[in-house]
């Protein structure tokens, strides 16, 4: 069984036991989190597609780690104007382990 969940404005395809990096949730390691915005649930007997969310479906996960991604550099440049700006950014993330998928309905 698998599900497509929405977290932090992005969509993730998850199965039980998967490790997924999502946008920072602001939770401590070891805490449990429930994703209730499930867009699709794939079962052995078919699919359950939500409009926009599958009613009653949820995905339970536990927080494994919090951290920062690799640094990306943003460089702005305008030719012949002596304009250069360099900025760096490290996006915060929360890594979760998918414990169970409740298909709902």
N, C-alpha and C. Protein backbone atom coordinates (compact mmCIF):
# COMPACT_ATOMS: atom_id res chain seq x y z
N UNK A 1 0.85 -1.17 0.00
CA UNK A 1 0.00 0.00 0.00
C UNK A 1 0.90 1.24 0.00
N UNK A 2 0.47 2.25 -0.71
CA UNK A 2 1.18 3.52 -0.74
C UNK A 2 0.18 4.66 -0.70
N UNK A 3 0.70 5.85 -0.44
CA UNK A 3 -0.16 7.03 -0.37
C UNK A 3 0.62 8.23 -0.89
N UNK A 4 -0.12 9.21 -1.35
CA UNK A 4 0.46 10.49 -1.73
C UNK A 4 -0.06 11.52 -0.74
N UNK A 5 0.87 12.11 0.02
CA UNK A 5 0.49 13.07 1.06
C UNK A 5 1.03 14.45 0.70
N UNK A 6 0.37 15.45 1.24
CA UNK A 6 0.80 16.83 1.05
C UNK A 6 1.35 17.35 2.37
N UNK A 7 2.58 17.87 2.32
CA UNK A 7 3.21 18.42 3.52
C UNK A 7 4.11 19.57 3.10
N UNK A 8 3.90 20.72 3.68
CA UNK A 8 4.73 21.87 3.38
C UNK A 8 4.58 22.37 1.95
N UNK A 9 3.41 22.18 1.35
CA UNK A 9 3.18 22.65 -0.01
C UNK A 9 3.73 21.73 -1.08
N UNK A 10 4.29 20.59 -0.70
CA UNK A 10 4.82 19.63 -1.65
C UNK A 10 4.11 18.30 -1.47
N UNK A 11 4.19 17.46 -2.49
CA UNK A 11 3.53 16.16 -2.45
C UNK A 11 4.59 15.06 -2.43
N UNK A 12 4.35 14.04 -1.61
CA UNK A 12 5.30 12.95 -1.45
C UNK A 12 4.58 11.61 -1.59
N UNK A 13 5.19 10.68 -2.32
CA UNK A 13 4.66 9.31 -2.43
C UNK A 13 5.37 8.49 -1.36
N UNK A 14 4.60 7.91 -0.44
CA UNK A 14 5.20 7.22 0.70
C UNK A 14 4.64 5.80 0.84
N UNK A 15 5.46 4.94 1.42
CA UNK A 15 5.07 3.59 1.82
C UNK A 15 5.46 3.42 3.27
N UNK A 16 4.97 2.37 3.91
CA UNK A 16 5.35 2.10 5.29
C UNK A 16 6.83 1.76 5.35
N UNK A 17 7.54 2.37 6.30
CA UNK A 17 8.96 2.13 6.45
C UNK A 17 9.85 3.10 5.70
N UNK A 18 9.28 3.96 4.85
CA UNK A 18 10.07 4.93 4.08
C UNK A 18 10.58 6.05 4.99
N UNK A 19 11.72 6.62 4.62
CA UNK A 19 12.26 7.82 5.26
C UNK A 19 12.10 8.96 4.27
N UNK A 20 11.48 10.06 4.69
CA UNK A 20 11.17 11.17 3.80
C UNK A 20 11.63 12.47 4.46
N UNK A 21 12.28 13.34 3.67
CA UNK A 21 12.64 14.69 4.13
C UNK A 21 11.52 15.64 3.72
N UNK A 22 10.89 16.26 4.70
CA UNK A 22 9.83 17.23 4.44
C UNK A 22 10.27 18.59 4.98
N UNK A 23 9.51 19.63 4.65
CA UNK A 23 9.80 20.96 5.17
C UNK A 23 9.77 20.90 6.70
N UNK A 24 10.49 21.78 7.34
CA UNK A 24 10.62 21.75 8.79
C UNK A 24 9.26 21.81 9.47
N UNK A 25 9.04 20.87 10.39
CA UNK A 25 7.77 20.79 11.11
C UNK A 25 7.85 21.42 12.50
N UNK A 26 9.06 21.71 12.97
CA UNK A 26 9.23 22.30 14.28
C UNK A 26 8.91 21.34 15.41
N UNK A 27 9.19 20.05 15.21
CA UNK A 27 8.91 19.04 16.23
C UNK A 27 10.23 18.40 16.66
N UNK A 28 10.25 17.87 17.87
CA UNK A 28 11.44 17.23 18.41
C UNK A 28 11.56 15.80 17.87
N UNK A 29 12.79 15.28 17.91
CA UNK A 29 13.03 13.91 17.48
C UNK A 29 12.28 12.94 18.39
N UNK A 30 11.70 11.91 17.79
CA UNK A 30 10.95 10.92 18.53
C UNK A 30 9.46 11.19 18.61
N UNK A 31 9.04 12.42 18.32
CA UNK A 31 7.61 12.75 18.36
C UNK A 31 6.89 12.12 17.18
N UNK A 32 5.59 11.98 17.33
CA UNK A 32 4.76 11.39 16.28
C UNK A 32 4.00 12.51 15.56
N UNK A 33 3.84 12.36 14.26
CA UNK A 33 3.12 13.36 13.47
C UNK A 33 2.12 12.62 12.58
N UNK A 34 0.96 13.23 12.38
CA UNK A 34 -0.08 12.64 11.53
C UNK A 34 -0.31 13.56 10.35
N UNK A 35 -0.15 13.02 9.15
CA UNK A 35 -0.46 13.76 7.92
C UNK A 35 -1.87 13.38 7.52
N UNK A 36 -2.80 14.36 7.60
CA UNK A 36 -4.19 14.06 7.26
C UNK A 36 -4.58 14.57 5.87
N UNK A 37 -3.66 15.23 5.19
CA UNK A 37 -3.94 15.71 3.84
C UNK A 37 -3.44 14.66 2.85
N UNK A 38 -4.20 13.59 2.71
CA UNK A 38 -3.85 12.46 1.84
C UNK A 38 -4.61 12.65 0.52
N UNK A 39 -3.88 12.72 -0.58
CA UNK A 39 -4.48 12.97 -1.88
C UNK A 39 -4.89 11.69 -2.60
N UNK A 40 -4.16 10.59 -2.33
CA UNK A 40 -4.42 9.34 -3.03
C UNK A 40 -3.93 8.19 -2.17
N UNK A 41 -4.67 7.09 -2.18
CA UNK A 41 -4.24 5.87 -1.49
C UNK A 41 -4.29 4.73 -2.49
N UNK A 42 -3.16 4.07 -2.70
CA UNK A 42 -3.09 2.93 -3.59
C UNK A 42 -3.10 1.65 -2.79
N UNK A 43 -4.15 0.80 -3.03
CA UNK A 43 -4.28 -0.46 -2.32
C UNK A 43 -4.16 -1.60 -3.32
N UNK A 44 -4.17 -2.82 -2.81
CA UNK A 44 -4.08 -3.99 -3.68
C UNK A 44 -5.28 -4.10 -4.62
N UNK A 45 -6.44 -3.67 -4.15
CA UNK A 45 -7.67 -3.79 -4.95
C UNK A 45 -8.00 -2.55 -5.76
N UNK A 46 -7.14 -1.52 -5.73
CA UNK A 46 -7.39 -0.34 -6.56
C UNK A 46 -6.94 0.93 -5.87
N UNK A 47 -7.41 2.05 -6.41
CA UNK A 47 -7.02 3.38 -5.93
C UNK A 47 -8.20 4.07 -5.26
N UNK A 48 -7.89 4.91 -4.29
CA UNK A 48 -8.85 5.84 -3.71
C UNK A 48 -8.30 7.23 -3.97
N UNK A 49 -8.98 7.98 -4.82
CA UNK A 49 -8.54 9.31 -5.19
C UNK A 49 -9.44 10.32 -4.50
N UNK A 50 -8.83 11.29 -3.86
CA UNK A 50 -9.58 12.30 -3.14
C UNK A 50 -9.99 13.46 -4.01
N UNK A 51 -10.99 14.21 -3.54
CA UNK A 51 -11.43 15.40 -4.25
C UNK A 51 -11.53 16.57 -3.27
N UNK A 52 -10.52 17.23 -2.84
CA UNK A 52 -9.10 17.01 -3.13
C UNK A 52 -8.44 16.02 -2.20
N UNK A 53 -9.05 15.71 -1.03
CA UNK A 53 -8.42 14.79 -0.07
C UNK A 53 -9.30 13.57 0.13
N UNK A 54 -8.67 12.43 0.42
CA UNK A 54 -9.41 11.21 0.71
C UNK A 54 -9.96 11.33 2.13
N UNK A 55 -11.28 11.17 2.26
CA UNK A 55 -11.90 11.36 3.58
C UNK A 55 -11.55 10.20 4.50
N UNK A 56 -11.12 10.56 5.71
CA UNK A 56 -10.79 9.56 6.71
C UNK A 56 -9.39 8.97 6.60
N UNK A 57 -8.67 9.27 5.56
CA UNK A 57 -7.33 8.71 5.37
C UNK A 57 -6.31 9.55 6.11
N UNK A 58 -5.29 8.86 6.63
CA UNK A 58 -4.21 9.56 7.32
C UNK A 58 -2.95 8.71 7.26
N UNK A 59 -1.82 9.38 7.43
CA UNK A 59 -0.52 8.71 7.46
C UNK A 59 0.16 9.11 8.75
N UNK A 60 0.59 8.11 9.52
CA UNK A 60 1.27 8.35 10.79
C UNK A 60 2.76 8.17 10.60
N UNK A 61 3.54 9.13 11.11
CA UNK A 61 5.00 9.08 10.97
C UNK A 61 5.63 9.51 12.27
N UNK A 62 6.91 9.18 12.43
CA UNK A 62 7.65 9.64 13.60
C UNK A 62 8.88 10.41 13.13
N UNK A 63 9.23 11.45 13.87
CA UNK A 63 10.34 12.33 13.51
C UNK A 63 11.65 11.62 13.84
N UNK A 64 12.54 11.53 12.85
CA UNK A 64 13.83 10.89 13.03
C UNK A 64 14.91 11.93 13.28
N UNK A 65 14.92 13.02 12.50
CA UNK A 65 15.98 14.02 12.63
C UNK A 65 15.49 15.36 12.11
N UNK A 66 16.13 16.41 12.60
CA UNK A 66 15.95 17.76 12.09
C UNK A 66 17.32 18.23 11.61
N UNK A 67 17.34 19.03 10.54
CA UNK A 67 18.63 19.49 10.05
C UNK A 67 18.50 20.55 8.99
N UNK A 68 19.63 20.81 8.31
CA UNK A 68 19.68 21.78 7.22
C UNK A 68 20.24 21.09 5.99
N UNK A 69 19.71 21.43 4.81
CA UNK A 69 20.20 20.89 3.55
C UNK A 69 21.52 21.54 3.16
N UNK A 70 22.05 21.10 2.03
CA UNK A 70 23.28 21.69 1.52
C UNK A 70 23.02 23.14 1.12
N UNK A 71 24.06 23.96 1.18
CA UNK A 71 23.93 25.36 0.85
C UNK A 71 23.78 25.56 -0.66
N UNK A 72 22.84 26.41 -1.04
CA UNK A 72 22.74 26.82 -2.44
C UNK A 72 23.14 28.29 -2.50
N UNK A 73 23.76 28.68 -3.60
CA UNK A 73 24.21 30.04 -3.77
C UNK A 73 23.30 30.76 -4.77
N UNK A 74 22.89 31.96 -4.40
CA UNK A 74 22.07 32.80 -5.27
C UNK A 74 22.94 33.98 -5.68
N UNK A 75 23.25 34.10 -6.96
CA UNK A 75 24.14 35.15 -7.44
C UNK A 75 23.38 36.04 -8.41
N UNK A 76 23.26 37.32 -8.07
CA UNK A 76 22.60 38.30 -8.92
C UNK A 76 23.67 39.12 -9.62
N UNK A 77 23.46 39.40 -10.90
CA UNK A 77 24.48 40.06 -11.69
C UNK A 77 23.81 40.86 -12.79
N UNK A 78 24.26 42.11 -12.98
CA UNK A 78 23.81 42.92 -14.11
C UNK A 78 25.04 43.37 -14.86
N UNK A 79 25.06 43.07 -16.13
CA UNK A 79 26.26 43.37 -16.91
C UNK A 79 26.45 44.88 -17.09
N UNK A 80 27.71 45.27 -17.10
CA UNK A 80 28.13 46.65 -17.35
C UNK A 80 27.61 47.65 -16.32
N UNK A 81 27.11 47.22 -15.18
CA UNK A 81 26.57 48.12 -14.17
C UNK A 81 27.28 47.97 -12.82
N UNK A 82 28.29 47.12 -12.75
CA UNK A 82 29.04 46.88 -11.52
C UNK A 82 28.11 46.46 -10.38
N UNK A 83 27.13 45.59 -10.69
CA UNK A 83 26.16 45.11 -9.70
C UNK A 83 26.34 43.61 -9.54
N UNK A 84 26.76 43.20 -8.35
CA UNK A 84 26.91 41.78 -8.04
C UNK A 84 26.48 41.56 -6.60
N UNK A 85 25.64 40.56 -6.38
CA UNK A 85 25.25 40.19 -5.02
C UNK A 85 25.26 38.67 -4.92
N UNK A 86 25.87 38.17 -3.86
CA UNK A 86 25.88 36.73 -3.63
C UNK A 86 25.24 36.46 -2.27
N UNK A 87 24.31 35.56 -2.26
CA UNK A 87 23.62 35.15 -1.04
C UNK A 87 23.66 33.63 -0.97
N UNK A 88 23.66 33.11 0.23
CA UNK A 88 23.58 31.67 0.43
C UNK A 88 22.32 31.33 1.20
N UNK A 89 21.84 30.10 1.02
CA UNK A 89 20.63 29.67 1.71
C UNK A 89 20.72 28.19 2.04
N UNK A 90 20.36 27.83 3.27
CA UNK A 90 20.28 26.43 3.68
C UNK A 90 18.88 26.18 4.20
N UNK A 91 18.13 25.35 3.48
CA UNK A 91 16.74 25.07 3.83
C UNK A 91 16.68 24.08 5.00
N UNK A 92 15.86 24.37 5.98
CA UNK A 92 15.67 23.46 7.11
C UNK A 92 14.72 22.34 6.70
N UNK A 93 14.96 21.14 7.24
CA UNK A 93 14.10 20.01 6.94
C UNK A 93 13.88 19.17 8.18
N UNK A 94 12.85 18.32 8.11
CA UNK A 94 12.58 17.32 9.13
C UNK A 94 12.51 15.98 8.43
N UNK A 95 13.28 15.01 8.89
CA UNK A 95 13.24 13.68 8.30
C UNK A 95 12.30 12.82 9.14
N UNK A 96 11.33 12.19 8.47
CA UNK A 96 10.35 11.36 9.16
C UNK A 96 10.38 9.94 8.62
N UNK A 97 10.01 9.00 9.48
CA UNK A 97 9.85 7.60 9.08
C UNK A 97 8.36 7.29 9.08
N UNK A 98 7.85 6.75 7.97
CA UNK A 98 6.43 6.45 7.84
C UNK A 98 6.14 5.17 8.62
N UNK A 99 5.25 5.27 9.62
CA UNK A 99 4.91 4.13 10.46
C UNK A 99 3.72 3.36 9.93
N UNK A 100 2.64 4.06 9.60
CA UNK A 100 1.44 3.36 9.14
C UNK A 100 0.62 4.25 8.21
N UNK A 101 -0.16 3.59 7.36
CA UNK A 101 -1.06 4.28 6.44
C UNK A 101 -2.47 3.80 6.73
N UNK A 102 -3.36 4.73 7.07
CA UNK A 102 -4.77 4.42 7.31
C UNK A 102 -5.54 4.81 6.06
N UNK A 103 -6.08 3.84 5.29
CA UNK A 103 -6.71 4.16 4.02
C UNK A 103 -8.05 4.89 4.13
N UNK A 104 -8.66 4.93 5.31
CA UNK A 104 -9.94 5.60 5.45
C UNK A 104 -11.06 4.81 4.82
N UNK A 105 -12.14 5.48 4.50
CA UNK A 105 -13.34 4.90 3.86
C UNK A 105 -13.39 3.41 4.01
